[in-house]
Amino acid sequence: IGTGTISLPKNKKLYFLPQMPCIPNGTLKSVLAYPEPANRYTDEEYKQVLRDVGNMSQFICSLDKKDNWASKFSQGEKQRIC
């Protein structure tokens, strides 16, 4: 057991990334934006991030599709999405 202090700059957020990725249900945009709201980013930003995270561009046509994405992605894709 340790002790200490964690300091964050004012108005900044801290995200925790578990070893087993948590993929929410909903549109692919909501998965990519999580925990922010899906309308936080533009369509072009969503498309670019799918290209940037290990070439997942095959999912670009599904950005507005609601699905159980946790069952659609491979384990590696889940980790890249998170």
PDB file of N, CA and C in Angstrom:
ATOM      1  N   ILE A   1       0.859  -1.172   0.000  1.00  0.00           N
ATOM      2  CA  ILE A   1       0.000   0.000   0.000  1.00  0.00           C
ATOM      3  C   ILE A   1       0.898   1.225   0.000  1.00  0.00           C
ATOM      4  N   GLY A   2       0.526   2.184  -0.837  1.00  0.00           N
ATOM      5  CA  GLY A   2       1.299   3.413  -0.931  1.00  0.00           C
ATOM      6  C   GLY A   2       0.432   4.616  -0.662  1.00  0.00           C
ATOM      7  N   THR A   3       1.051   5.714  -0.635  1.00  0.00           N
ATOM      8  CA  THR A   3       0.347   6.976  -0.451  1.00  0.00           C
ATOM      9  C   THR A   3       0.878   7.969  -1.469  1.00  0.00           C
ATOM     10  N   GLY A   4       0.145   9.009  -1.687  1.00  0.00           N
ATOM     11  CA  GLY A   4       0.602  10.028  -2.619  1.00  0.00           C
ATOM     12  C   GLY A   4      -0.514  10.964  -3.004  1.00  0.00           C
ATOM     13  N   THR A   5      -0.194  11.841  -3.900  1.00  0.00           N
ATOM     14  CA  THR A   5      -1.134  12.843  -4.378  1.00  0.00           C
ATOM     15  C   THR A   5      -1.100  12.858  -5.895  1.00  0.00           C
ATOM     16  N   ILE A   6      -2.260  12.954  -6.490  1.00  0.00           N
ATOM     17  CA  ILE A   6      -2.365  13.099  -7.937  1.00  0.00           C
ATOM     18  C   ILE A   6      -2.893  14.496  -8.210  1.00  0.00           C
ATOM     19  N   SER A   7      -2.187  15.243  -9.014  1.00  0.00           N
ATOM     20  CA  SER A   7      -2.597  16.601  -9.360  1.00  0.00           C
ATOM     21  C   SER A   7      -2.938  16.664 -10.839  1.00  0.00           C
ATOM     22  N   LEU A   8      -4.036  17.318 -11.151  1.00  0.00           N
ATOM     23  CA  LEU A   8      -4.443  17.513 -12.539  1.00  0.00           C
ATOM     24  C   LEU A   8      -4.501  19.008 -12.825  1.00  0.00           C
ATOM     25  N   PRO A   9      -4.106  19.409 -14.020  1.00  0.00           N
ATOM     26  CA  PRO A   9      -4.282  20.815 -14.373  1.00  0.00           C
ATOM     27  C   PRO A   9      -5.759  21.188 -14.332  1.00  0.00           C
ATOM     28  N   LYS A  10      -6.039  22.428 -14.009  1.00  0.00           N
ATOM     29  CA  LYS A  10      -7.426  22.905 -13.918  1.00  0.00           C
ATOM     30  C   LYS A  10      -8.152  22.661 -15.241  1.00  0.00           C
ATOM     31  N   ASN A  11      -9.400  22.217 -15.154  1.00  0.00           N
ATOM     32  CA  ASN A  11     -10.281  21.967 -16.300  1.00  0.00           C
ATOM     33  C   ASN A  11      -9.805  20.827 -17.200  1.00  0.00           C
ATOM     34  N   LYS A  12      -9.003  19.907 -16.689  1.00  0.00           N
ATOM     35  CA  LYS A  12      -8.569  18.742 -17.455  1.00  0.00           C
ATOM     36  C   LYS A  12      -9.266  17.504 -16.912  1.00  0.00           C
ATOM     37  N   LYS A  13      -9.362  16.488 -17.749  1.00  0.00           N
ATOM     38  CA  LYS A  13     -10.023  15.247 -17.367  1.00  0.00           C
ATOM     39  C   LYS A  13      -9.014  14.124 -17.279  1.00  0.00           C
ATOM     40  N   LEU A  14      -9.351  13.140 -16.482  1.00  0.00           N
ATOM     41  CA  LEU A  14      -8.532  11.951 -16.330  1.00  0.00           C
ATOM     42  C   LEU A  14      -9.336  10.762 -16.856  1.00  0.00           C
ATOM     43  N   TYR A  15      -8.749   9.969 -17.720  1.00  0.00           N
ATOM     44  CA  TYR A  15      -9.405   8.787 -18.251  1.00  0.00           C
ATOM     45  C   TYR A  15      -8.667   7.551 -17.755  1.00  0.00           C
ATOM     46  N   PHE A  16      -9.413   6.521 -17.460  1.00  0.00           N
ATOM     47  CA  PHE A  16      -8.859   5.255 -17.014  1.00  0.00           C
ATOM     48  C   PHE A  16      -9.097   4.240 -18.110  1.00  0.00           C
ATOM     49  N   LEU A  17      -8.068   3.559 -18.549  1.00  0.00           N
ATOM     50  CA  LEU A  17      -8.193   2.553 -19.592  1.00  0.00           C
ATOM     51  C   LEU A  17      -7.938   1.177 -18.988  1.00  0.00           C
ATOM     52  N   PRO A  18      -9.011   0.384 -18.794  1.00  0.00           N
ATOM     53  CA  PRO A  18      -8.832  -0.943 -18.199  1.00  0.00           C
ATOM     54  C   PRO A  18      -8.156  -1.907 -19.172  1.00  0.00           C
ATOM     55  N   GLN A  19      -7.610  -2.977 -18.647  1.00  0.00           N
ATOM     56  CA  GLN A  19      -6.963  -3.981 -19.487  1.00  0.00           C
ATOM     57  C   GLN A  19      -7.963  -4.606 -20.454  1.00  0.00           C
ATOM     58  N   MET A  20      -9.174  -4.873 -19.984  1.00  0.00           N
ATOM     59  CA  MET A  20     -10.238  -5.383 -20.841  1.00  0.00           C
ATOM     60  C   MET A  20     -11.076  -4.195 -21.286  1.00  0.00           C
ATOM     61  N   PRO A  21     -11.033  -3.833 -22.566  1.00  0.00           N
ATOM     62  CA  PRO A  21     -11.746  -2.646 -23.037  1.00  0.00           C
ATOM     63  C   PRO A  21     -13.249  -2.736 -22.801  1.00  0.00           C
ATOM     64  N   CYS A  22     -13.828  -1.620 -22.448  1.00  0.00           N
ATOM     65  CA  CYS A  22     -15.276  -1.498 -22.254  1.00  0.00           C
ATOM     66  C   CYS A  22     -15.840  -0.764 -23.464  1.00  0.00           C
ATOM     67  N   ILE A  23     -16.641  -1.451 -24.250  1.00  0.00           N
ATOM     68  CA  ILE A  23     -17.217  -0.876 -25.459  1.00  0.00           C
ATOM     69  C   ILE A  23     -18.714  -0.675 -25.224  1.00  0.00           C
ATOM     70  N   PRO A  24     -19.188   0.570 -25.173  1.00  0.00           N
ATOM     71  CA  PRO A  24     -20.615   0.806 -24.935  1.00  0.00           C
ATOM     72  C   PRO A  24     -21.461   0.434 -26.156  1.00  0.00           C
ATOM     73  N   ASN A  25     -22.733   0.158 -25.947  1.00  0.00           N
ATOM     74  CA  ASN A  25     -23.667  -0.061 -27.048  1.00  0.00           C
ATOM     75  C   ASN A  25     -24.104   1.284 -27.594  1.00  0.00           C
ATOM     76  N   GLY A  26     -24.545   1.283 -28.821  1.00  0.00           N
ATOM     77  CA  GLY A  26     -25.010   2.518 -29.453  1.00  0.00           C
ATOM     78  C   GLY A  26     -24.393   2.646 -30.829  1.00  0.00           C
ATOM     79  N   THR A  27     -24.330   3.866 -31.326  1.00  0.00           N
ATOM     80  CA  THR A  27     -23.721   4.089 -32.634  1.00  0.00           C
ATOM     81  C   THR A  27     -22.207   3.972 -32.513  1.00  0.00           C
ATOM     82  N   LEU A  28     -21.572   3.729 -33.638  1.00  0.00           N
ATOM     83  CA  LEU A  28     -20.119   3.674 -33.634  1.00  0.00           C
ATOM     84  C   LEU A  28     -19.541   5.024 -33.226  1.00  0.00           C
ATOM     85  N   LYS A  29     -20.199   6.112 -33.605  1.00  0.00           N
ATOM     86  CA  LYS A  29     -19.756   7.441 -33.161  1.00  0.00           C
ATOM     87  C   LYS A  29     -19.746   7.525 -31.641  1.00  0.00           C
ATOM     88  N   SER A  30     -20.780   6.991 -30.995  1.00  0.00           N
ATOM     89  CA  SER A  30     -20.835   7.055 -29.531  1.00  0.00           C
ATOM     90  C   SER A  30     -19.739   6.211 -28.900  1.00  0.00           C
ATOM     91  N   VAL A  31     -19.371   5.107 -29.555  1.00  0.00           N
ATOM     92  CA  VAL A  31     -18.267   4.272 -29.066  1.00  0.00           C
ATOM     93  C   VAL A  31     -16.954   5.046 -29.157  1.00  0.00           C
ATOM     94  N   LEU A  32     -16.726   5.675 -30.302  1.00  0.00           N
ATOM     95  CA  LEU A  32     -15.477   6.409 -30.519  1.00  0.00           C
ATOM     96  C   LEU A  32     -15.358   7.636 -29.618  1.00  0.00           C
ATOM     97  N   ALA A  33     -16.475   8.279 -29.327  1.00  0.00           N
ATOM     98  CA  ALA A  33     -16.458   9.502 -28.520  1.00  0.00           C
ATOM     99  C   ALA A  33     -16.435   9.226 -27.021  1.00  0.00           C
ATOM    100  N   TYR A  34     -16.851   8.050 -26.600  1.00  0.00           N
ATOM    101  CA  TYR A  34     -17.004   7.710 -25.187  1.00  0.00           C
ATOM    102  C   TYR A  34     -15.783   8.142 -24.380  1.00  0.00           C
ATOM    103  N   PRO A  35     -15.956   8.819 -23.273  1.00  0.00           N
ATOM    104  CA  PRO A  35     -17.182   9.127 -22.539  1.00  0.00           C
ATOM    105  C   PRO A  35     -17.819  10.469 -22.920  1.00  0.00           C
ATOM    106  N   GLU A  36     -17.304  11.116 -23.938  1.00  0.00           N
ATOM    107  CA  GLU A  36     -17.893  12.368 -24.420  1.00  0.00           C
ATOM    108  C   GLU A  36     -19.162  12.059 -25.219  1.00  0.00           C
ATOM    109  N   PRO A  37     -20.030  13.050 -25.438  1.00  0.00           N
ATOM    110  CA  PRO A  37     -21.208  12.820 -26.282  1.00  0.00           C
ATOM    111  C   PRO A  37     -20.792  12.648 -27.750  1.00  0.00           C
ATOM    112  N   ALA A  38     -21.572  11.903 -28.499  1.00  0.00           N
ATOM    113  CA  ALA A  38     -21.239  11.581 -29.888  1.00  0.00           C
ATOM    114  C   ALA A  38     -21.153  12.821 -30.772  1.00  0.00           C
ATOM    115  N   ASN A  39     -21.870  13.883 -30.435  1.00  0.00           N
ATOM    116  CA  ASN A  39     -21.846  15.093 -31.271  1.00  0.00           C
ATOM    117  C   ASN A  39     -20.632  15.982 -30.993  1.00  0.00           C
ATOM    118  N   ARG A  40     -19.727  15.520 -30.172  1.00  0.00           N
ATOM    119  CA  ARG A  40     -18.531  16.294 -29.796  1.00  0.00           C
ATOM    120  C   ARG A  40     -17.554  16.461 -30.954  1.00  0.00           C
ATOM    121  N   TYR A  41     -17.560  15.519 -31.906  1.00  0.00           N
ATOM    122  CA  TYR A  41     -16.597  15.502 -32.997  1.00  0.00           C
ATOM    123  C   TYR A  41     -17.300  15.538 -34.348  1.00  0.00           C
ATOM    124  N   THR A  42     -16.583  15.967 -35.374  1.00  0.00           N
ATOM    125  CA  THR A  42     -17.147  16.025 -36.725  1.00  0.00           C
ATOM    126  C   THR A  42     -17.041  14.657 -37.401  1.00  0.00           C
ATOM    127  N   ASP A  43     -17.816  14.467 -38.448  1.00  0.00           N
ATOM    128  CA  ASP A  43     -17.738  13.215 -39.212  1.00  0.00           C
ATOM    129  C   ASP A  43     -16.322  12.994 -39.732  1.00  0.00           C
ATOM    130  N   GLU A  44     -15.668  14.063 -40.176  1.00  0.00           N
ATOM    131  CA  GLU A  44     -14.305  13.908 -40.699  1.00  0.00           C
ATOM    132  C   GLU A  44     -13.333  13.468 -39.604  1.00  0.00           C
ATOM    133  N   GLU A  45     -13.526  13.950 -38.372  1.00  0.00           N
ATOM    134  CA  GLU A  45     -12.670  13.515 -37.264  1.00  0.00           C
ATOM    135  C   GLU A  45     -12.874  12.026 -36.974  1.00  0.00           C
ATOM    136  N   TYR A  46     -14.132  11.579 -37.012  1.00  0.00           N
ATOM    137  CA  TYR A  46     -14.401  10.148 -36.804  1.00  0.00           C
ATOM    138  C   TYR A  46     -13.750   9.308 -37.899  1.00  0.00           C
ATOM    139  N   LYS A  47     -13.887   9.745 -39.140  1.00  0.00           N
ATOM    140  CA  LYS A  47     -13.295   9.004 -40.255  1.00  0.00           C
ATOM    141  C   LYS A  47     -11.774   8.937 -40.115  1.00  0.00           C
ATOM    142  N   GLN A  48     -11.175  10.060 -39.750  1.00  0.00           N
ATOM    143  CA  GLN A  48      -9.721  10.104 -39.627  1.00  0.00           C
ATOM    144  C   GLN A  48      -9.226   9.204 -38.505  1.00  0.00           C
ATOM    145  N   VAL A  49      -9.924   9.187 -37.387  1.00  0.00           N
ATOM    146  CA  VAL A  49      -9.459   8.345 -36.277  1.00  0.00           C
ATOM    147  C   VAL A  49      -9.551   6.862 -36.647  1.00  0.00           C
ATOM    148  N   LEU A  50     -10.556   6.482 -37.408  1.00  0.00           N
ATOM    149  CA  LEU A  50     -10.644   5.084 -37.848  1.00  0.00           C
ATOM    150  C   LEU A  50      -9.495   4.731 -38.793  1.00  0.00           C
ATOM    151  N   ARG A  51      -9.062   5.685 -39.587  1.00  0.00           N
ATOM    152  CA  ARG A  51      -7.885   5.451 -40.444  1.00  0.00           C
ATOM    153  C   ARG A  51      -6.611   5.367 -39.606  1.00  0.00           C
ATOM    154  N   ASP A  52      -6.548   6.175 -38.552  1.00  0.00           N
ATOM    155  CA  ASP A  52      -5.326   6.302 -37.751  1.00  0.00           C
ATOM    156  C   ASP A  52      -5.084   5.150 -36.777  1.00  0.00           C
ATOM    157  N   VAL A  53      -6.125   4.458 -36.349  1.00  0.00           N
ATOM    158  CA  VAL A  53      -5.957   3.416 -35.327  1.00  0.00           C
ATOM    159  C   VAL A  53      -5.804   2.025 -35.955  1.00  0.00           C
ATOM    160  N   GLY A  54      -4.810   1.883 -36.774  1.00  0.00           N
ATOM    161  CA  GLY A  54      -4.545   0.567 -37.341  1.00  0.00           C
ATOM    162  C   GLY A  54      -5.426   0.240 -38.523  1.00  0.00           C
ATOM    163  N   ASN A  55      -5.737   1.228 -39.318  1.00  0.00           N
ATOM    164  CA  ASN A  55      -6.523   1.062 -40.541  1.00  0.00           C
ATOM    165  C   ASN A  55      -7.840   0.328 -40.301  1.00  0.00           C
ATOM    166  N   MET A  56      -8.736   0.960 -39.592  1.00  0.00           N
ATOM    167  CA  MET A  56     -10.080   0.419 -39.384  1.00  0.00           C
ATOM    168  C   MET A  56     -11.075   1.152 -40.271  1.00  0.00           C
ATOM    169  N   SER A  57     -10.596   1.603 -41.430  1.00  0.00           N
ATOM    170  CA  SER A  57     -11.433   2.395 -42.330  1.00  0.00           C
ATOM    171  C   SER A  57     -12.627   1.624 -42.881  1.00  0.00           C
ATOM    172  N   GLN A  58     -12.610   0.296 -42.790  1.00  0.00           N
ATOM    173  CA  GLN A  58     -13.760  -0.484 -43.258  1.00  0.00           C
ATOM    174  C   GLN A  58     -15.013  -0.190 -42.425  1.00  0.00           C
ATOM    175  N   PHE A  59     -14.859   0.446 -41.262  1.00  0.00           N
ATOM    176  CA  PHE A  59     -16.004   0.777 -40.405  1.00  0.00           C
ATOM    177  C   PHE A  59     -16.558   2.176 -40.657  1.00  0.00           C
ATOM    178  N   ILE A  60     -15.939   2.957 -41.553  1.00  0.00           N
ATOM    179  CA  ILE A  60     -16.392   4.328 -41.796  1.00  0.00           C
ATOM    180  C   ILE A  60     -17.853   4.369 -42.228  1.00  0.00           C
ATOM    181  N   CYS A  61     -18.275   3.437 -43.047  1.00  0.00           N
ATOM    182  CA  CYS A  61     -19.670   3.429 -43.520  1.00  0.00           C
ATOM    183  C   CYS A  61     -20.660   3.078 -42.408  1.00  0.00           C
ATOM    184  N   SER A  62     -20.171   2.680 -41.236  1.00  0.00           N
ATOM    185  CA  SER A  62     -21.035   2.271 -40.124  1.00  0.00           C
ATOM    186  C   SER A  62     -21.058   3.273 -38.972  1.00  0.00           C
ATOM    187  N   LEU A  63     -20.569   4.485 -39.185  1.00  0.00           N
ATOM    188  CA  LEU A  63     -20.466   5.454 -38.090  1.00  0.00           C
ATOM    189  C   LEU A  63     -21.792   5.724 -37.388  1.00  0.00           C
ATOM    190  N   ASP A  64     -22.893   5.749 -38.138  1.00  0.00           N
ATOM    191  CA  ASP A  64     -24.203   6.046 -37.534  1.00  0.00           C
ATOM    192  C   ASP A  64     -25.006   4.790 -37.214  1.00  0.00           C
ATOM    193  N   LYS A  65     -24.407   3.634 -37.404  1.00  0.00           N
ATOM    194  CA  LYS A  65     -25.099   2.365 -37.152  1.00  0.00           C
ATOM    195  C   LYS A  65     -25.084   2.043 -35.659  1.00  0.00           C
ATOM    196  N   LYS A  66     -26.269   1.694 -35.127  1.00  0.00           N
ATOM    197  CA  LYS A  66     -26.362   1.218 -33.739  1.00  0.00           C
ATOM    198  C   LYS A  66     -26.144  -0.281 -33.742  1.00  0.00           C
ATOM    199  N   ASP A  67     -25.305  -0.745 -32.827  1.00  0.00           N
ATOM    200  CA  ASP A  67     -24.999  -2.168 -32.784  1.00  0.00           C
ATOM    201  C   ASP A  67     -24.376  -2.509 -31.436  1.00  0.00           C
ATOM    202  N   ASN A  68     -24.205  -3.784 -31.194  1.00  0.00           N
ATOM    203  CA  ASN A  68     -23.464  -4.267 -30.043  1.00  0.00           C
ATOM    204  C   ASN A  68     -22.008  -4.396 -30.508  1.00  0.00           C
ATOM    205  N   TRP A  69     -21.304  -3.270 -30.494  1.00  0.00           N
ATOM    206  CA  TRP A  69     -19.971  -3.208 -31.082  1.00  0.00           C
ATOM    207  C   TRP A  69     -18.969  -4.106 -30.380  1.00  0.00           C
ATOM    208  N   ALA A  70     -19.177  -4.393 -29.123  1.00  0.00           N
ATOM    209  CA  ALA A  70     -18.256  -5.276 -28.401  1.00  0.00           C
ATOM    210  C   ALA A  70     -18.204  -6.656 -29.047  1.00  0.00           C
ATOM    211  N   SER A  71     -19.295  -7.070 -29.660  1.00  0.00           N
ATOM    212  CA  SER A  71     -19.319  -8.383 -30.309  1.00  0.00           C
ATOM    213  C   SER A  71     -18.858  -8.310 -31.766  1.00  0.00           C
ATOM    214  N   LYS A  72     -18.708  -7.121 -32.308  1.00  0.00           N
ATOM    215  CA  LYS A  72     -18.310  -6.950 -33.711  1.00  0.00           C
ATOM    216  C   LYS A  72     -16.805  -6.805 -33.882  1.00  0.00           C
ATOM    217  N   PHE A  73     -16.135  -6.245 -32.877  1.00  0.00           N
ATOM    218  CA  PHE A  73     -14.702  -5.989 -32.978  1.00  0.00           C
ATOM    219  C   PHE A  73     -13.888  -7.164 -32.447  1.00  0.00           C
ATOM    220  N   SER A  74     -12.727  -7.380 -33.049  1.00  0.00           N
ATOM    221  CA  SER A  74     -11.776  -8.335 -32.499  1.00  0.00           C
ATOM    222  C   SER A  74     -11.176  -7.720 -31.224  1.00  0.00           C
ATOM    223  N   GLN A  75     -10.461  -8.510 -30.450  1.00  0.00           N
ATOM    224  CA  GLN A  75      -9.850  -7.988 -29.222  1.00  0.00           C
ATOM    225  C   GLN A  75      -8.865  -6.860 -29.554  1.00  0.00           C
ATOM    226  N   GLY A  76      -8.079  -7.038 -30.593  1.00  0.00           N
ATOM    227  CA  GLY A  76      -7.140  -6.000 -31.001  1.00  0.00           C
ATOM    228  C   GLY A  76      -7.832  -4.726 -31.444  1.00  0.00           C
ATOM    229  N   GLU A  77      -8.949  -4.868 -32.182  1.00  0.00           N
ATOM    230  CA  GLU A  77      -9.721  -3.696 -32.613  1.00  0.00           C
ATOM    231  C   GLU A  77     -10.311  -2.979 -31.391  1.00  0.00           C
ATOM    232  N   LYS A  78     -10.789  -3.732 -30.416  1.00  0.00           N
ATOM    233  CA  LYS A  78     -11.326  -3.113 -29.191  1.00  0.00           C
ATOM    234  C   LYS A  78     -10.258  -2.272 -28.504  1.00  0.00           C
ATOM    235  N   GLN A  79      -9.056  -2.816 -28.395  1.00  0.00           N
ATOM    236  CA  GLN A  79      -7.975  -2.079 -27.736  1.00  0.00           C
ATOM    237  C   GLN A  79      -7.620  -0.824 -28.523  1.00  0.00           C
ATOM    238  N   ARG A  80      -7.591  -0.903 -29.845  1.00  0.00           N
ATOM    239  CA  ARG A  80      -7.263   0.275 -30.649  1.00  0.00           C
ATOM    240  C   ARG A  80      -8.361   1.325 -30.544  1.00  0.00           C
ATOM    241  N   ILE A  81      -9.608   0.903 -30.515  1.00  0.00           N
ATOM    242  CA  ILE A  81     -10.735   1.841 -30.401  1.00  0.00           C
ATOM    243  C   ILE A  81     -10.674   2.577 -29.071  1.00  0.00           C
ATOM    244  N   CYS A  82     -10.393   1.836 -28.005  1.00  0.00           N
ATOM    245  CA  CYS A  82     -10.324   2.478 -26.695  1.00  0.00           C
ATOM    246  C   CYS A  82      -9.150   3.425 -26.610  1.00  0.00           C
TER     247      CYS A  82
END
